[in-house]
């Protein structure tokens, strides 16, 4: 969970309410607020677990910020500021804010959330299809990482990767069998990607070399994770594996945005 102190929340509140008062989030209506979270992040912001402070938009946002992992919270806050910049309020609408000072305070909180060395980033994971199982899987990964238990997350990370690369292949008309191993899916994805995009040689090599990483990850999942009755891999090794796999997923997410659209 994100550790947001009252003084930090005041900086967030000043930016999102823009002097309209507590409970406001930019100029979003209630439906627009819910739609923003659903379309941008596949998050149900109306969920009761985000209403620990109340049901107004601002209070739901605070509940969300306190409940979710810092990396998730920082992504949402960045997206909210972008939404503000896409349509800044007119001075006649309500009391104007000191934009630069407000932005500096707002982004100091974001940088605090992103700068904690103890946090493992989970921004590589996306709800790429409307699927309750996928939602629960991502939530479980984020809970394990928020609890600083990367060993516990490895089994679910493997499952996520299996689903992710199956999705990436199927949106391209490829057939994927249930028993096809993860590294084979990654290899096939790499082949389709290089036919679609003019990748730099270095980028292609990075993806190609990751195939062996995913193959080794199969063994870790089967023999060193909580998937079975195993002797569990050490926490530092689990963190290295988690972050290495996440780096590849993050790259794929950035280069293959269309694959996340339904």
Protein backbone atom coordinates (compact mmCIF):
# COMPACT_ATOMS: atom_id res chain seq x y z
CA UNK A 1 0.00 0.00 0.00
CA UNK A 2 1.13 3.54 -0.67
CA UNK A 3 2.32 5.41 2.40
CA UNK A 4 0.76 8.84 1.85
CA UNK A 5 0.97 11.16 4.83
CA UNK A 6 -1.60 13.88 5.47
CA UNK A 7 0.79 16.61 4.27
CA UNK A 8 1.29 14.68 1.03
CA UNK A 9 -2.42 14.18 0.55
CA UNK A 10 -2.96 17.92 0.91
CA UNK A 11 -0.65 18.45 -2.09
CA UNK A 12 -2.63 15.91 -4.09
CA UNK A 13 -5.94 17.40 -2.98
CA UNK A 14 -4.86 20.91 -3.95
CA UNK A 15 -4.00 19.71 -7.47
CA UNK A 16 -7.07 17.56 -8.10
CA UNK A 17 -9.68 19.84 -6.48
CA UNK A 18 -8.16 23.06 -7.86
CA UNK A 19 -9.71 25.08 -5.05
CA UNK A 20 -13.22 23.84 -5.80
CA UNK A 21 -13.29 22.13 -2.41
CA UNK A 22 -12.89 18.68 -0.99
CA UNK A 23 -14.59 15.89 -2.88
CA UNK A 24 -13.86 17.22 -6.36
CA UNK A 25 -11.50 15.58 -8.86
CA UNK A 26 -10.76 18.01 -11.69
CA UNK A 27 -14.07 18.72 -13.44
CA UNK A 28 -15.10 15.06 -13.67
CA UNK A 29 -18.72 14.17 -13.13
CA UNK A 30 -19.33 10.95 -11.21
CA UNK A 31 -19.85 8.92 -14.42
CA UNK A 32 -16.79 10.52 -16.04
CA UNK A 33 -14.67 9.73 -12.99
CA UNK A 34 -15.68 6.07 -13.07
CA UNK A 35 -15.17 5.92 -16.84
CA UNK A 36 -11.67 7.41 -16.51
CA UNK A 37 -10.53 4.64 -14.17
CA UNK A 38 -12.21 1.93 -16.21
CA UNK A 39 -10.91 3.00 -19.61
CA UNK A 40 -7.40 4.00 -18.55
CA UNK A 41 -6.66 1.32 -15.94
CA UNK A 42 -9.50 -1.23 -15.89
CA UNK A 43 -10.06 -0.26 -12.25
CA UNK A 44 -13.51 -0.23 -10.62
CA UNK A 45 -13.14 2.96 -8.60
CA UNK A 46 -16.71 2.58 -7.26
CA UNK A 47 -15.65 -0.56 -5.36
CA UNK A 48 -16.52 -0.39 -1.66
CA UNK A 49 -12.91 -0.98 -0.63
CA UNK A 50 -12.04 2.50 -1.93
CA UNK A 51 -14.78 4.17 0.16
CA UNK A 52 -12.97 4.06 3.50
CA UNK A 53 -13.19 7.87 3.75
CA UNK A 54 -16.51 8.34 1.97
CA UNK A 55 -18.13 8.08 -1.45
CA UNK A 56 -17.28 11.43 -3.05
CA UNK A 57 -14.85 11.38 -5.95
CA UNK A 58 -12.05 12.91 -3.89
CA UNK A 59 -12.59 10.54 -0.98
CA UNK A 60 -12.73 7.51 -3.26
CA UNK A 61 -9.46 8.64 -4.83
CA UNK A 62 -7.86 8.92 -1.40
CA UNK A 63 -9.11 5.44 -0.49
CA UNK A 64 -7.66 4.13 -3.73
CA UNK A 65 -4.30 5.82 -3.12
CA UNK A 66 -4.08 4.33 0.35
CA UNK A 67 -5.13 0.83 -0.75
CA UNK A 68 -3.01 0.29 -3.86
CA UNK A 69 0.68 -0.22 -4.56
CA UNK A 70 2.76 2.98 -4.92
CA UNK A 71 3.62 2.25 -8.56
CA UNK A 72 -0.09 1.94 -9.43
CA UNK A 73 -0.96 5.11 -7.52
CA UNK A 74 1.80 7.11 -9.23
CA UNK A 75 0.58 6.04 -12.68
CA UNK A 76 -2.96 7.16 -11.85
CA UNK A 77 -1.79 10.50 -10.47
CA UNK A 78 0.31 11.16 -13.58
CA UNK A 79 -2.70 10.36 -15.77
CA UNK A 80 -4.87 12.75 -13.75
CA UNK A 81 -2.41 15.59 -14.26
CA UNK A 82 -2.33 14.85 -17.98
CA UNK A 83 -6.14 14.99 -17.98
CA UNK A 84 -5.89 18.41 -16.33
CA UNK A 85 -3.37 19.64 -18.92
CA UNK A 86 -5.58 18.37 -21.76
CA UNK A 87 -8.33 20.66 -20.52
CA UNK A 88 -7.14 23.25 -17.99
CA UNK A 89 -10.03 25.04 -16.25
CA UNK A 90 -10.97 28.52 -17.30
CA UNK A 91 -10.40 31.26 -14.69
CA UNK A 92 -14.08 32.07 -14.68
CA UNK A 93 -15.03 28.53 -13.64
CA UNK A 94 -13.66 28.71 -10.11
CA UNK A 95 -10.73 30.02 -8.15
CA UNK A 96 -7.57 29.57 -10.26
CA UNK A 97 -4.59 27.72 -8.85
CA UNK A 98 -0.93 28.63 -8.92
CA UNK A 99 -0.23 26.00 -11.56
CA UNK A 100 3.54 25.80 -11.22
CA UNK A 101 3.57 25.67 -7.42
CA UNK A 102 0.70 23.18 -7.34
CA UNK A 103 2.36 21.02 -9.97
CA UNK A 104 5.67 21.04 -8.07
CA UNK A 105 3.99 19.87 -4.88
CA UNK A 106 1.91 17.27 -6.72
CA UNK A 107 4.86 15.78 -8.54
CA UNK A 108 6.98 15.75 -5.40
CA UNK A 109 4.49 13.22 -4.03
CA UNK A 110 4.61 11.19 -7.25
CA UNK A 111 8.41 11.16 -7.17
CA UNK A 112 8.30 10.05 -3.55
CA UNK A 113 6.05 7.14 -4.50
CA UNK A 114 8.27 6.19 -7.43
CA UNK A 115 11.57 6.71 -5.64
CA UNK A 116 11.33 4.22 -2.79
CA UNK A 117 14.08 1.69 -3.45
CA UNK A 118 12.13 -0.94 -1.53
CA UNK A 119 9.30 -0.83 -4.04
CA UNK A 120 9.27 -3.24 -6.94
CA UNK A 121 7.47 -1.72 -9.90
CA UNK A 122 4.26 -3.41 -11.04
CA UNK A 123 3.36 -1.04 -13.86
CA UNK A 124 4.17 -3.74 -16.45
CA UNK A 125 0.90 -5.51 -15.67
CA UNK A 126 -2.21 -4.44 -17.54
CA UNK A 127 -5.79 -5.59 -17.80
CA UNK A 128 -5.48 -6.42 -21.49
CA UNK A 129 -8.90 -8.08 -21.67
CA UNK A 130 -12.11 -7.92 -19.66
CA UNK A 131 -11.59 -11.06 -17.64
CA UNK A 132 -12.27 -11.48 -13.93
CA UNK A 133 -9.57 -14.13 -13.57
CA UNK A 134 -7.01 -11.76 -15.07
CA UNK A 135 -8.10 -8.99 -12.72
CA UNK A 136 -7.67 -11.25 -9.71
CA UNK A 137 -4.30 -12.45 -11.01
CA UNK A 138 -2.93 -8.91 -11.35
CA UNK A 139 -4.32 -7.95 -7.95
CA UNK A 140 -2.64 -10.99 -6.37
CA UNK A 141 0.71 -10.09 -7.94
CA UNK A 142 0.43 -6.52 -6.69
CA UNK A 143 -0.48 -7.71 -3.18
CA UNK A 144 2.54 -10.02 -3.04
CA UNK A 145 4.87 -7.26 -4.22
CA UNK A 146 3.33 -4.70 -1.88
CA UNK A 147 4.00 -7.16 0.95
CA UNK A 148 7.62 -7.47 -0.25
CA UNK A 149 7.18 -11.16 -1.11
CA UNK A 150 8.57 -11.57 -4.64
CA UNK A 151 8.97 -15.33 -4.09
CA UNK A 152 5.20 -15.63 -3.67
CA UNK A 153 4.59 -13.62 -6.83
CA UNK A 154 6.68 -15.79 -9.19
CA UNK A 155 4.06 -18.47 -9.78
CA UNK A 156 1.41 -15.86 -10.60
CA UNK A 157 3.90 -13.92 -12.71
CA UNK A 158 4.41 -17.05 -14.83
CA UNK A 159 0.65 -17.46 -15.24
CA UNK A 160 0.32 -13.81 -16.25
CA UNK A 161 3.06 -14.22 -18.86
CA UNK A 162 1.36 -17.32 -20.29
CA UNK A 163 -1.88 -15.37 -20.67
CA UNK A 164 -0.14 -12.26 -21.97
CA UNK A 165 1.81 -13.89 -24.77
CA UNK A 166 -1.16 -16.04 -25.72
CA UNK A 167 -3.16 -12.82 -26.07
CA UNK A 168 -0.43 -11.14 -28.11
CA UNK A 169 -0.36 -14.07 -30.53
CA UNK A 170 -4.13 -14.54 -30.77
CA UNK A 171 -4.81 -10.89 -31.63
CA UNK A 172 -2.54 -11.53 -34.60
CA UNK A 173 -4.56 -14.55 -35.69
CA UNK A 174 -2.12 -17.10 -34.29
CA UNK A 175 -3.34 -20.31 -32.64
CA UNK A 176 -1.92 -21.14 -29.23
CA UNK A 177 -2.35 -24.52 -27.58
CA UNK A 178 -2.80 -24.78 -23.83
CA UNK A 179 0.34 -26.89 -23.39
CA UNK A 180 2.66 -24.65 -25.44
CA UNK A 181 5.45 -23.54 -23.06
CA UNK A 182 6.07 -19.92 -22.23
CA UNK A 183 9.41 -19.55 -24.04
CA UNK A 184 7.87 -20.92 -27.25
CA UNK A 185 5.12 -18.32 -27.08
CA UNK A 186 7.71 -15.58 -26.56
CA UNK A 187 9.73 -16.86 -29.53
CA UNK A 188 6.69 -16.88 -31.80
CA UNK A 189 5.74 -13.38 -30.65
CA UNK A 190 9.22 -12.12 -31.44
CA UNK A 191 8.94 -13.51 -34.99
CA UNK A 192 5.59 -11.79 -35.58
CA UNK A 193 6.90 -8.55 -34.13
CA UNK A 194 9.94 -8.32 -36.39
CA UNK A 195 7.71 -8.76 -39.46
CA UNK A 196 5.47 -5.90 -38.31
CA UNK A 197 7.98 -3.33 -37.10
CA UNK A 198 11.35 -2.02 -38.14
CA UNK A 199 13.01 -2.87 -34.85
CA UNK A 200 16.53 -1.72 -34.20
CA UNK A 201 18.97 -4.62 -34.15
CA UNK A 202 19.65 -4.05 -30.45
CA UNK A 203 15.94 -4.21 -29.58
CA UNK A 204 15.52 -7.40 -31.59
CA UNK A 205 18.50 -8.96 -29.84
CA UNK A 206 17.07 -8.03 -26.46
CA UNK A 207 13.77 -9.74 -27.23
CA UNK A 208 15.50 -12.74 -28.78
CA UNK A 209 17.81 -13.19 -25.80
CA UNK A 210 14.82 -13.01 -23.45
CA UNK A 211 13.55 -16.32 -24.87
CA UNK A 212 16.20 -18.19 -22.89
CA UNK A 213 15.27 -16.16 -19.81
CA UNK A 214 11.64 -17.24 -20.11
CA UNK A 215 12.73 -20.84 -20.67
CA UNK A 216 14.72 -20.74 -17.42
CA UNK A 217 11.72 -19.09 -15.76
CA UNK A 218 9.70 -22.24 -16.54
CA UNK A 219 12.09 -24.21 -14.33
CA UNK A 220 11.94 -21.63 -11.54
CA UNK A 221 8.16 -21.71 -11.58
CA UNK A 222 7.97 -25.50 -11.52
CA UNK A 223 10.80 -26.24 -9.08
CA UNK A 224 11.52 -23.11 -7.03
CA UNK A 225 8.18 -21.37 -6.50
CA UNK A 226 5.00 -21.96 -4.52
CA UNK A 227 3.45 -23.65 -7.57
CA UNK A 228 4.42 -26.99 -5.99
CA UNK A 229 5.93 -28.35 -2.79
CA UNK A 230 9.36 -26.87 -3.55
CA UNK A 231 12.38 -25.45 -1.83
CA UNK A 232 11.73 -21.78 -2.54
CA UNK A 233 14.21 -19.52 -4.28
CA UNK A 234 15.79 -16.79 -2.13
CA UNK A 235 14.19 -13.35 -1.92
CA UNK A 236 17.05 -11.48 -3.69
CA UNK A 237 16.98 -13.97 -6.56
CA UNK A 238 13.19 -13.80 -6.75
CA UNK A 239 13.37 -10.01 -6.92
CA UNK A 240 15.96 -10.13 -9.72
CA UNK A 241 13.86 -12.59 -11.72
CA UNK A 242 10.66 -10.62 -11.15
CA UNK A 243 12.24 -7.34 -12.21
CA UNK A 244 13.97 -8.92 -15.25
CA UNK A 245 10.74 -10.45 -16.53
CA UNK A 246 8.85 -7.23 -15.77
CA UNK A 247 11.37 -5.22 -17.81
CA UNK A 248 10.58 -7.35 -20.88
CA UNK A 249 6.84 -7.02 -20.26
CA UNK A 250 7.22 -3.27 -19.87
CA UNK A 251 9.03 -3.06 -23.21
CA UNK A 252 6.38 -5.17 -24.91
CA UNK A 253 3.67 -2.98 -23.42
CA UNK A 254 5.34 0.16 -24.76
CA UNK A 255 6.01 -1.17 -28.24
CA UNK A 256 2.80 -3.09 -28.72
CA UNK A 257 0.10 -0.74 -27.40
CA UNK A 258 -2.45 -1.95 -29.93
CA UNK A 259 -2.35 -5.41 -28.37
CA UNK A 260 -4.00 -4.04 -25.22
CA UNK A 261 -7.03 -2.72 -27.06
CA UNK A 262 -10.14 -4.84 -27.26
